[in-house]
Amino acid sequence: MVVVVTLDASECEDLTAACTGIGGLVEWLDALEGRPGLAELGERLEEAVLNVDAIDKCVGYADAGYQRNIVKITEHYEMVLVTWKPGQDTPIHDHTGSDCAFNIVAGESTETVYSLNEDGRAVTKEVRIYLPGTVCAADESDIHRVSNDTDVNLINLHVYTPPLTGFGIYDAA
């Protein structure tokens, strides 16, 4: 289960003022006339200096599932602060029609990457652990699950290009 919350205009202004890394990303993304490349998006996310305290003050956490705290959506991108309490995870999914890159703001993020077997069920290919400041980039067709396998809260800054409008959900083999 996912909870979706959209930050209001004043919350976004406060966040971008207190966190120049997010403000700079929004400025760069807004100046583009289309969808950025995944490699360049990943580089920009890596370079972003993120104010963890300011981010933590503006996000919430769902009691069940995880929470998508939407910072901004345009026709070309969607910026979301995704939060997980300990033990929470996404379903196994892809990003049909959208690339995704995310920076680990706080906590430790686990990404499980899958391939499909002959029955169309997800089989684990690799498990990756990301620490604060590292970036993960996923193409539209990549199948993965993101989880918080620790005992502290997790915050990731996700950018989807274009905005996430659909995704496939897969069952584990």
N, C-alpha and C. Protein backbone atom coordinates (compact mmCIF):
# COMPACT_ATOMS: atom_id res chain seq x y z
N MET A 1 0.84 -1.18 0.00
CA MET A 1 0.00 0.00 0.00
C MET A 1 0.89 1.25 0.00
N VAL A 2 0.48 2.24 -0.74
CA VAL A 2 1.23 3.49 -0.81
C VAL A 2 0.32 4.64 -0.45
N VAL A 3 0.84 5.57 0.31
CA VAL A 3 0.14 6.81 0.64
C VAL A 3 0.78 7.91 -0.19
N VAL A 4 -0.04 8.74 -0.84
CA VAL A 4 0.47 9.83 -1.67
C VAL A 4 0.03 11.15 -1.07
N VAL A 5 1.02 12.03 -0.83
CA VAL A 5 0.77 13.36 -0.28
C VAL A 5 1.47 14.36 -1.19
N THR A 6 0.78 15.41 -1.58
CA THR A 6 1.39 16.46 -2.39
C THR A 6 1.70 17.64 -1.48
N LEU A 7 2.97 18.06 -1.46
CA LEU A 7 3.35 19.22 -0.65
C LEU A 7 2.67 20.45 -1.23
N ASP A 8 2.17 21.33 -0.37
CA ASP A 8 1.54 22.54 -0.89
C ASP A 8 2.62 23.55 -1.29
N ALA A 9 2.20 24.62 -1.94
CA ALA A 9 3.14 25.61 -2.50
C ALA A 9 4.07 26.19 -1.44
N SER A 10 3.55 26.51 -0.27
CA SER A 10 4.41 27.11 0.76
C SER A 10 5.41 26.09 1.31
N GLU A 11 4.99 24.83 1.44
CA GLU A 11 5.91 23.78 1.88
C GLU A 11 7.04 23.60 0.86
N CYS A 12 6.69 23.64 -0.42
CA CYS A 12 7.70 23.50 -1.48
C CYS A 12 8.66 24.68 -1.46
N GLU A 13 8.14 25.90 -1.30
CA GLU A 13 9.00 27.08 -1.23
C GLU A 13 9.95 27.00 -0.04
N ASP A 14 9.43 26.60 1.12
CA ASP A 14 10.27 26.45 2.31
C ASP A 14 11.35 25.39 2.08
N LEU A 15 10.96 24.28 1.46
CA LEU A 15 11.91 23.19 1.21
C LEU A 15 13.01 23.62 0.25
N THR A 16 12.65 24.24 -0.87
CA THR A 16 13.67 24.62 -1.85
C THR A 16 14.56 25.75 -1.33
N ALA A 17 14.04 26.58 -0.43
CA ALA A 17 14.87 27.62 0.18
C ALA A 17 15.85 27.02 1.19
N ALA A 18 15.39 26.04 1.96
CA ALA A 18 16.24 25.43 2.99
C ALA A 18 17.16 24.36 2.43
N CYS A 19 16.82 23.82 1.28
CA CYS A 19 17.60 22.74 0.67
C CYS A 19 17.96 23.16 -0.75
N THR A 20 19.10 23.81 -0.89
CA THR A 20 19.50 24.32 -2.20
C THR A 20 19.71 23.20 -3.23
N GLY A 21 20.01 22.01 -2.76
CA GLY A 21 20.17 20.88 -3.67
C GLY A 21 18.86 20.58 -4.40
N ILE A 22 17.76 20.55 -3.68
CA ILE A 22 16.46 20.33 -4.30
C ILE A 22 16.08 21.54 -5.14
N GLY A 23 16.32 22.74 -4.61
CA GLY A 23 16.03 23.96 -5.37
C GLY A 23 16.78 23.99 -6.68
N GLY A 24 18.05 23.61 -6.67
CA GLY A 24 18.86 23.58 -7.88
C GLY A 24 18.36 22.54 -8.88
N LEU A 25 17.94 21.38 -8.38
CA LEU A 25 17.39 20.35 -9.27
C LEU A 25 16.11 20.83 -9.94
N VAL A 26 15.23 21.46 -9.17
CA VAL A 26 13.98 21.98 -9.72
C VAL A 26 14.28 23.03 -10.78
N GLU A 27 15.20 23.92 -10.48
CA GLU A 27 15.59 24.97 -11.44
C GLU A 27 16.11 24.36 -12.75
N TRP A 28 17.01 23.39 -12.63
CA TRP A 28 17.58 22.73 -13.80
C TRP A 28 16.50 22.00 -14.59
N LEU A 29 15.66 21.21 -13.91
CA LEU A 29 14.62 20.46 -14.58
C LEU A 29 13.61 21.38 -15.26
N ASP A 30 13.24 22.48 -14.59
CA ASP A 30 12.28 23.42 -15.17
C ASP A 30 12.84 24.12 -16.41
N ALA A 31 14.16 24.26 -16.50
CA ALA A 31 14.78 24.94 -17.64
C ALA A 31 14.86 24.05 -18.88
N LEU A 32 14.70 22.76 -18.71
CA LEU A 32 14.76 21.84 -19.84
C LEU A 32 13.49 21.92 -20.66
N GLU A 33 13.61 21.67 -21.94
CA GLU A 33 12.43 21.69 -22.80
C GLU A 33 11.91 20.29 -23.08
N GLY A 34 12.42 19.34 -22.35
CA GLY A 34 12.01 17.95 -22.54
C GLY A 34 12.53 17.10 -21.42
N ARG A 35 12.57 15.84 -21.68
CA ARG A 35 12.99 14.84 -20.72
C ARG A 35 14.51 14.76 -20.69
N PRO A 36 15.13 14.84 -19.49
CA PRO A 36 16.59 14.71 -19.45
C PRO A 36 16.99 13.24 -19.65
N GLY A 37 18.23 13.03 -20.05
CA GLY A 37 18.74 11.67 -20.15
C GLY A 37 18.96 11.10 -18.75
N LEU A 38 18.85 9.79 -18.63
CA LEU A 38 18.99 9.14 -17.33
C LEU A 38 20.38 9.33 -16.73
N ALA A 39 21.42 9.28 -17.56
CA ALA A 39 22.79 9.46 -17.07
C ALA A 39 22.97 10.87 -16.50
N GLU A 40 22.50 11.88 -17.23
CA GLU A 40 22.64 13.26 -16.76
C GLU A 40 21.81 13.48 -15.49
N LEU A 41 20.63 12.91 -15.44
CA LEU A 41 19.79 13.02 -14.24
C LEU A 41 20.51 12.42 -13.04
N GLY A 42 21.11 11.25 -13.23
CA GLY A 42 21.85 10.62 -12.14
C GLY A 42 23.01 11.47 -11.67
N GLU A 43 23.74 12.08 -12.61
CA GLU A 43 24.85 12.96 -12.24
C GLU A 43 24.36 14.16 -11.43
N ARG A 44 23.27 14.77 -11.87
CA ARG A 44 22.71 15.93 -11.15
C ARG A 44 22.26 15.54 -9.74
N LEU A 45 21.67 14.38 -9.61
CA LEU A 45 21.26 13.92 -8.28
C LEU A 45 22.47 13.67 -7.39
N GLU A 46 23.54 13.11 -7.96
CA GLU A 46 24.76 12.87 -7.18
C GLU A 46 25.38 14.17 -6.69
N GLU A 47 25.31 15.21 -7.52
CA GLU A 47 25.92 16.51 -7.18
C GLU A 47 25.08 17.31 -6.19
N ALA A 48 23.81 16.98 -6.05
CA ALA A 48 22.91 17.77 -5.21
C ALA A 48 23.31 17.66 -3.73
N VAL A 49 23.46 18.81 -3.09
CA VAL A 49 23.73 18.85 -1.66
C VAL A 49 22.37 18.92 -0.97
N LEU A 50 22.05 17.91 -0.19
CA LEU A 50 20.72 17.80 0.40
C LEU A 50 20.75 18.08 1.90
N ASN A 51 19.84 18.94 2.34
CA ASN A 51 19.70 19.30 3.75
C ASN A 51 18.73 18.30 4.38
N VAL A 52 19.29 17.29 5.04
CA VAL A 52 18.49 16.20 5.59
C VAL A 52 17.47 16.71 6.60
N ASP A 53 17.86 17.64 7.47
CA ASP A 53 16.93 18.16 8.48
C ASP A 53 15.74 18.86 7.84
N ALA A 54 16.00 19.69 6.83
CA ALA A 54 14.91 20.40 6.14
C ALA A 54 13.98 19.41 5.44
N ILE A 55 14.56 18.40 4.83
CA ILE A 55 13.75 17.39 4.14
C ILE A 55 12.92 16.61 5.15
N ASP A 56 13.54 16.19 6.24
CA ASP A 56 12.84 15.40 7.25
C ASP A 56 11.65 16.16 7.84
N LYS A 57 11.77 17.48 7.94
CA LYS A 57 10.68 18.29 8.50
C LYS A 57 9.47 18.37 7.59
N CYS A 58 9.65 18.18 6.29
CA CYS A 58 8.52 18.37 5.36
C CYS A 58 7.89 17.07 4.89
N VAL A 59 8.43 15.92 5.29
CA VAL A 59 7.87 14.65 4.82
C VAL A 59 7.11 13.94 5.93
N GLY A 60 6.26 13.04 5.51
CA GLY A 60 5.55 12.18 6.44
C GLY A 60 5.86 10.73 6.14
N TYR A 61 5.41 9.85 7.00
CA TYR A 61 5.62 8.41 6.86
C TYR A 61 4.29 7.70 7.02
N ALA A 62 4.02 6.75 6.16
CA ALA A 62 2.80 5.96 6.25
C ALA A 62 2.97 4.87 7.30
N ASP A 63 1.87 4.54 7.98
CA ASP A 63 1.94 3.46 8.95
C ASP A 63 2.02 2.10 8.27
N ALA A 64 1.36 1.99 7.13
CA ALA A 64 1.41 0.74 6.36
C ALA A 64 1.91 1.09 4.96
N GLY A 65 2.74 0.28 4.39
CA GLY A 65 3.27 0.54 3.05
C GLY A 65 4.42 1.53 3.10
N TYR A 66 4.33 2.56 2.29
CA TYR A 66 5.34 3.61 2.25
C TYR A 66 4.65 4.87 1.79
N GLN A 67 5.34 6.01 1.81
CA GLN A 67 4.68 7.27 1.45
C GLN A 67 5.45 8.00 0.37
N ARG A 68 4.70 8.51 -0.63
CA ARG A 68 5.24 9.35 -1.71
C ARG A 68 4.86 10.79 -1.38
N ASN A 69 5.85 11.62 -1.06
CA ASN A 69 5.66 13.03 -0.76
C ASN A 69 6.03 13.80 -2.02
N ILE A 70 5.02 14.20 -2.80
CA ILE A 70 5.26 14.82 -4.10
C ILE A 70 5.70 16.26 -3.92
N VAL A 71 6.89 16.58 -4.45
CA VAL A 71 7.45 17.92 -4.39
C VAL A 71 6.96 18.74 -5.58
N LYS A 72 7.06 18.17 -6.79
CA LYS A 72 6.66 18.90 -7.99
C LYS A 72 6.40 17.93 -9.13
N ILE A 73 5.37 18.27 -9.94
CA ILE A 73 5.08 17.51 -11.16
C ILE A 73 4.90 18.52 -12.29
N THR A 74 5.58 18.24 -13.41
CA THR A 74 5.38 19.01 -14.65
C THR A 74 5.11 17.98 -15.75
N GLU A 75 4.99 18.44 -16.98
CA GLU A 75 4.78 17.48 -18.06
C GLU A 75 6.03 16.65 -18.32
N HIS A 76 7.21 17.12 -17.86
CA HIS A 76 8.47 16.44 -18.16
C HIS A 76 9.05 15.64 -16.99
N TYR A 77 8.67 15.96 -15.76
CA TYR A 77 9.24 15.23 -14.63
C TYR A 77 8.32 15.26 -13.42
N GLU A 78 8.61 14.35 -12.49
CA GLU A 78 7.95 14.30 -11.19
C GLU A 78 9.04 14.11 -10.14
N MET A 79 9.07 14.99 -9.14
CA MET A 79 10.03 14.89 -8.05
C MET A 79 9.28 14.49 -6.78
N VAL A 80 9.77 13.41 -6.15
CA VAL A 80 9.07 12.84 -5.01
C VAL A 80 10.07 12.46 -3.92
N LEU A 81 9.75 12.81 -2.69
CA LEU A 81 10.50 12.31 -1.54
C LEU A 81 9.75 11.09 -1.03
N VAL A 82 10.34 9.91 -1.22
CA VAL A 82 9.69 8.66 -0.83
C VAL A 82 10.24 8.25 0.53
N THR A 83 9.31 7.92 1.44
CA THR A 83 9.71 7.57 2.80
C THR A 83 9.22 6.18 3.18
N TRP A 84 10.06 5.48 3.91
CA TRP A 84 9.75 4.16 4.41
C TRP A 84 10.11 4.08 5.89
N LYS A 85 9.22 3.51 6.67
CA LYS A 85 9.56 3.12 8.04
C LYS A 85 10.29 1.78 7.95
N PRO A 86 10.94 1.36 9.04
CA PRO A 86 11.62 0.06 9.01
C PRO A 86 10.68 -1.07 8.56
N GLY A 87 11.20 -1.92 7.66
CA GLY A 87 10.45 -3.08 7.20
C GLY A 87 9.51 -2.82 6.04
N GLN A 88 9.33 -1.57 5.63
CA GLN A 88 8.41 -1.27 4.53
C GLN A 88 9.11 -1.42 3.18
N ASP A 89 8.32 -1.71 2.14
CA ASP A 89 8.88 -1.86 0.80
C ASP A 89 7.84 -1.56 -0.27
N THR A 90 8.32 -1.44 -1.50
CA THR A 90 7.43 -1.30 -2.65
C THR A 90 7.08 -2.71 -3.13
N PRO A 91 6.06 -2.83 -3.95
CA PRO A 91 5.87 -4.11 -4.64
C PRO A 91 6.99 -4.27 -5.68
N ILE A 92 7.14 -5.44 -6.23
CA ILE A 92 8.06 -5.66 -7.34
C ILE A 92 7.41 -4.97 -8.54
N HIS A 93 8.15 -4.06 -9.19
CA HIS A 93 7.54 -3.23 -10.23
C HIS A 93 8.54 -2.76 -11.28
N ASP A 94 8.00 -2.22 -12.38
CA ASP A 94 8.81 -1.51 -13.37
C ASP A 94 8.28 -0.08 -13.42
N HIS A 95 8.78 0.72 -14.33
CA HIS A 95 8.34 2.11 -14.48
C HIS A 95 7.91 2.35 -15.92
N THR A 96 6.91 1.62 -16.37
CA THR A 96 6.45 1.69 -17.75
C THR A 96 6.31 3.14 -18.21
N GLY A 97 7.13 3.51 -19.19
CA GLY A 97 7.05 4.85 -19.76
C GLY A 97 7.87 5.91 -19.08
N SER A 98 8.53 5.60 -17.96
CA SER A 98 9.31 6.60 -17.21
C SER A 98 10.64 6.02 -16.76
N ASP A 99 11.69 6.85 -16.87
CA ASP A 99 12.96 6.52 -16.23
C ASP A 99 12.88 7.02 -14.80
N CYS A 100 13.70 6.46 -13.92
CA CYS A 100 13.71 6.88 -12.53
C CYS A 100 15.14 6.89 -12.02
N ALA A 101 15.49 7.97 -11.32
CA ALA A 101 16.77 8.02 -10.60
C ALA A 101 16.46 8.51 -9.20
N PHE A 102 17.16 7.96 -8.22
CA PHE A 102 16.93 8.43 -6.85
C PHE A 102 18.21 8.49 -6.05
N ASN A 103 18.22 9.46 -5.14
CA ASN A 103 19.35 9.71 -4.24
C ASN A 103 18.90 9.32 -2.84
N ILE A 104 19.74 8.58 -2.13
CA ILE A 104 19.41 8.19 -0.77
C ILE A 104 19.74 9.37 0.14
N VAL A 105 18.70 9.95 0.72
CA VAL A 105 18.84 11.13 1.58
C VAL A 105 19.25 10.72 2.98
N ALA A 106 18.54 9.75 3.56
CA ALA A 106 18.81 9.30 4.93
C ALA A 106 18.42 7.83 5.04
N GLY A 107 19.20 7.07 5.78
CA GLY A 107 18.93 5.65 5.96
C GLY A 107 19.71 4.83 4.95
N GLU A 108 19.32 3.57 4.85
CA GLU A 108 19.97 2.63 3.94
C GLU A 108 18.89 2.01 3.06
N SER A 109 19.04 2.15 1.76
CA SER A 109 18.03 1.67 0.81
C SER A 109 18.49 0.36 0.18
N THR A 110 17.60 -0.60 0.14
CA THR A 110 17.89 -1.88 -0.50
C THR A 110 17.10 -1.96 -1.79
N GLU A 111 17.80 -2.22 -2.90
CA GLU A 111 17.13 -2.43 -4.18
C GLU A 111 17.35 -3.88 -4.58
N THR A 112 16.27 -4.59 -4.79
CA THR A 112 16.33 -5.96 -5.30
C THR A 112 15.94 -5.90 -6.77
N VAL A 113 16.84 -6.36 -7.64
CA VAL A 113 16.64 -6.32 -9.07
C VAL A 113 16.19 -7.71 -9.53
N TYR A 114 15.22 -7.73 -10.44
CA TYR A 114 14.62 -8.99 -10.88
C TYR A 114 14.69 -9.17 -12.39
N SER A 115 14.58 -10.42 -12.81
CA SER A 115 14.31 -10.77 -14.20
C SER A 115 13.06 -11.64 -14.16
N LEU A 116 12.46 -11.84 -15.31
CA LEU A 116 11.25 -12.66 -15.36
C LEU A 116 11.58 -14.06 -15.85
N ASN A 117 10.97 -15.05 -15.21
CA ASN A 117 11.16 -16.42 -15.67
C ASN A 117 10.16 -16.72 -16.79
N GLU A 118 10.16 -17.94 -17.27
CA GLU A 118 9.31 -18.31 -18.40
C GLU A 118 7.81 -18.19 -18.08
N ASP A 119 7.47 -18.15 -16.80
CA ASP A 119 6.07 -18.00 -16.38
C ASP A 119 5.70 -16.53 -16.12
N GLY A 120 6.65 -15.61 -16.36
CA GLY A 120 6.38 -14.19 -16.13
C GLY A 120 6.45 -13.78 -14.67
N ARG A 121 7.08 -14.62 -13.85
CA ARG A 121 7.23 -14.30 -12.43
C ARG A 121 8.64 -13.78 -12.17
N ALA A 122 8.76 -12.93 -11.16
CA ALA A 122 10.02 -12.24 -10.87
C ALA A 122 10.98 -13.14 -10.09
N VAL A 123 12.20 -13.21 -10.62
CA VAL A 123 13.28 -13.99 -10.00
C VAL A 123 14.40 -13.02 -9.63
N THR A 124 14.88 -13.09 -8.39
CA THR A 124 15.93 -12.19 -7.94
C THR A 124 17.20 -12.40 -8.74
N LYS A 125 17.72 -11.27 -9.28
CA LYS A 125 19.00 -11.28 -10.01
C LYS A 125 20.12 -10.74 -9.14
N GLU A 126 19.80 -9.69 -8.37
CA GLU A 126 20.83 -9.01 -7.60
C GLU A 126 20.18 -8.18 -6.50
N VAL A 127 20.91 -8.04 -5.39
CA VAL A 127 20.47 -7.17 -4.30
C VAL A 127 21.56 -6.13 -4.09
N ARG A 128 21.15 -4.85 -4.09
CA ARG A 128 22.10 -3.74 -3.94
C ARG A 128 21.72 -2.91 -2.72
N ILE A 129 22.73 -2.51 -1.98
CA ILE A 129 22.54 -1.66 -0.81
C ILE A 129 23.09 -0.27 -1.13
N TYR A 130 22.29 0.76 -0.88
CA TYR A 130 22.69 2.14 -1.14
C TYR A 130 22.70 2.92 0.16
N LEU A 131 23.80 3.63 0.39
CA LEU A 131 23.97 4.46 1.58
C LEU A 131 23.68 5.91 1.24
N PRO A 132 23.50 6.77 2.24
CA PRO A 132 23.18 8.18 1.97
C PRO A 132 24.18 8.81 1.00
N GLY A 133 23.62 9.58 0.04
CA GLY A 133 24.43 10.27 -0.95
C GLY A 133 24.66 9.48 -2.22
N THR A 134 24.30 8.20 -2.23
CA THR A 134 24.47 7.41 -3.45
C THR A 134 23.19 7.48 -4.29
N VAL A 135 23.37 7.23 -5.58
CA VAL A 135 22.27 7.35 -6.53
C VAL A 135 22.05 6.03 -7.24
N CYS A 136 20.79 5.71 -7.47
CA CYS A 136 20.39 4.55 -8.25
C CYS A 136 19.60 5.08 -9.44
N ALA A 137 19.85 4.54 -10.62
CA ALA A 137 19.11 4.93 -11.82
C ALA A 137 18.52 3.69 -12.47
N ALA A 138 17.24 3.77 -12.82
CA ALA A 138 16.55 2.63 -13.41
C ALA A 138 15.84 3.04 -14.69
N ASP A 139 16.08 2.26 -15.75
CA ASP A 139 15.37 2.47 -17.02
C ASP A 139 13.92 2.03 -16.86
N GLU A 140 13.11 2.45 -17.81
CA GLU A 140 11.68 2.12 -17.81
C GLU A 140 11.41 0.64 -17.59
N SER A 141 12.17 -0.19 -18.26
CA SER A 141 11.89 -1.63 -18.26
C SER A 141 12.52 -2.39 -17.10
N ASP A 142 13.37 -1.74 -16.31
CA ASP A 142 13.98 -2.42 -15.17
C ASP A 142 12.91 -2.84 -14.16
N ILE A 143 13.05 -4.03 -13.65
CA ILE A 143 12.10 -4.55 -12.66
C ILE A 143 12.84 -4.61 -11.33
N HIS A 144 12.27 -3.96 -10.30
CA HIS A 144 12.94 -3.94 -9.00
C HIS A 144 11.94 -3.74 -7.87
N ARG A 145 12.47 -3.83 -6.67
CA ARG A 145 11.73 -3.54 -5.44
C ARG A 145 12.67 -2.74 -4.57
N VAL A 146 12.17 -1.67 -3.97
CA VAL A 146 12.96 -0.87 -3.05
C VAL A 146 12.41 -1.11 -1.65
N SER A 147 13.32 -1.30 -0.69
CA SER A 147 12.87 -1.62 0.67
C SER A 147 13.78 -1.00 1.72
N ASN A 148 13.22 -0.89 2.90
CA ASN A 148 13.97 -0.45 4.07
C ASN A 148 14.12 -1.67 4.97
N ASP A 149 15.27 -2.30 4.89
CA ASP A 149 15.53 -3.53 5.66
C ASP A 149 16.28 -3.24 6.95
N THR A 150 16.23 -1.99 7.41
CA THR A 150 16.94 -1.60 8.63
C THR A 150 15.94 -1.24 9.72
N ASP A 151 16.46 -0.75 10.85
CA ASP A 151 15.58 -0.36 11.96
C ASP A 151 15.47 1.15 12.12
N VAL A 152 15.84 1.92 11.09
CA VAL A 152 15.68 3.38 11.09
C VAL A 152 14.92 3.80 9.83
N ASN A 153 14.32 4.99 9.87
CA ASN A 153 13.56 5.48 8.72
C ASN A 153 14.47 5.71 7.50
N LEU A 154 13.87 5.65 6.32
CA LEU A 154 14.56 5.82 5.05
C LEU A 154 13.87 6.91 4.25
N ILE A 155 14.67 7.81 3.66
CA ILE A 155 14.16 8.84 2.75
C ILE A 155 14.98 8.79 1.46
N ASN A 156 14.27 8.69 0.32
CA ASN A 156 14.91 8.76 -0.99
C ASN A 156 14.29 9.89 -1.78
N LEU A 157 15.11 10.63 -2.53
CA LEU A 157 14.64 11.67 -3.44
C LEU A 157 14.58 11.07 -4.84
N HIS A 158 13.36 10.85 -5.35
CA HIS A 158 13.14 10.24 -6.67
C HIS A 158 12.78 11.30 -7.69
N VAL A 159 13.31 11.14 -8.91
CA VAL A 159 12.88 11.95 -10.04
C VAL A 159 12.51 10.98 -11.16
N TYR A 160 11.26 11.10 -11.62
CA TYR A 160 10.74 10.28 -12.72
C TYR A 160 10.63 11.18 -13.95
N THR A 161 11.12 10.69 -15.09
CA THR A 161 11.02 11.45 -16.33
C THR A 161 10.46 10.56 -17.43
N PRO A 162 9.34 10.88 -18.02
CA PRO A 162 8.35 11.85 -17.58
C PRO A 162 7.69 11.37 -16.30
N PRO A 163 6.71 12.12 -15.76
CA PRO A 163 6.05 11.69 -14.52
C PRO A 163 5.54 10.25 -14.63
N LEU A 164 5.55 9.59 -13.50
CA LEU A 164 5.12 8.20 -13.42
C LEU A 164 3.60 8.13 -13.62
N THR A 165 3.18 7.49 -14.68
CA THR A 165 1.75 7.35 -14.94
C THR A 165 1.31 5.88 -14.96
N GLY A 166 2.25 5.01 -15.06
CA GLY A 166 1.91 3.59 -15.07
C GLY A 166 3.10 2.75 -14.69
N PHE A 167 2.80 1.57 -14.24
CA PHE A 167 3.87 0.63 -13.88
C PHE A 167 3.29 -0.75 -13.86
N GLY A 168 4.16 -1.72 -14.10
CA GLY A 168 3.77 -3.12 -14.00
C GLY A 168 4.11 -3.66 -12.62
N ILE A 169 3.24 -4.47 -12.07
CA ILE A 169 3.49 -5.12 -10.78
C ILE A 169 3.67 -6.62 -11.06
N TYR A 170 4.66 -7.22 -10.41
CA TYR A 170 5.01 -8.59 -10.68
C TYR A 170 4.97 -9.44 -9.40
N ASP A 171 4.64 -10.70 -9.57
CA ASP A 171 4.66 -11.65 -8.47
C ASP A 171 6.03 -12.32 -8.43
N ALA A 172 6.50 -12.59 -7.22
CA ALA A 172 7.78 -13.30 -7.07
C ALA A 172 7.61 -14.77 -7.44
N ALA A 173 8.66 -15.32 -7.99
CA ALA A 173 8.64 -16.74 -8.38
C ALA A 173 8.68 -17.61 -7.14
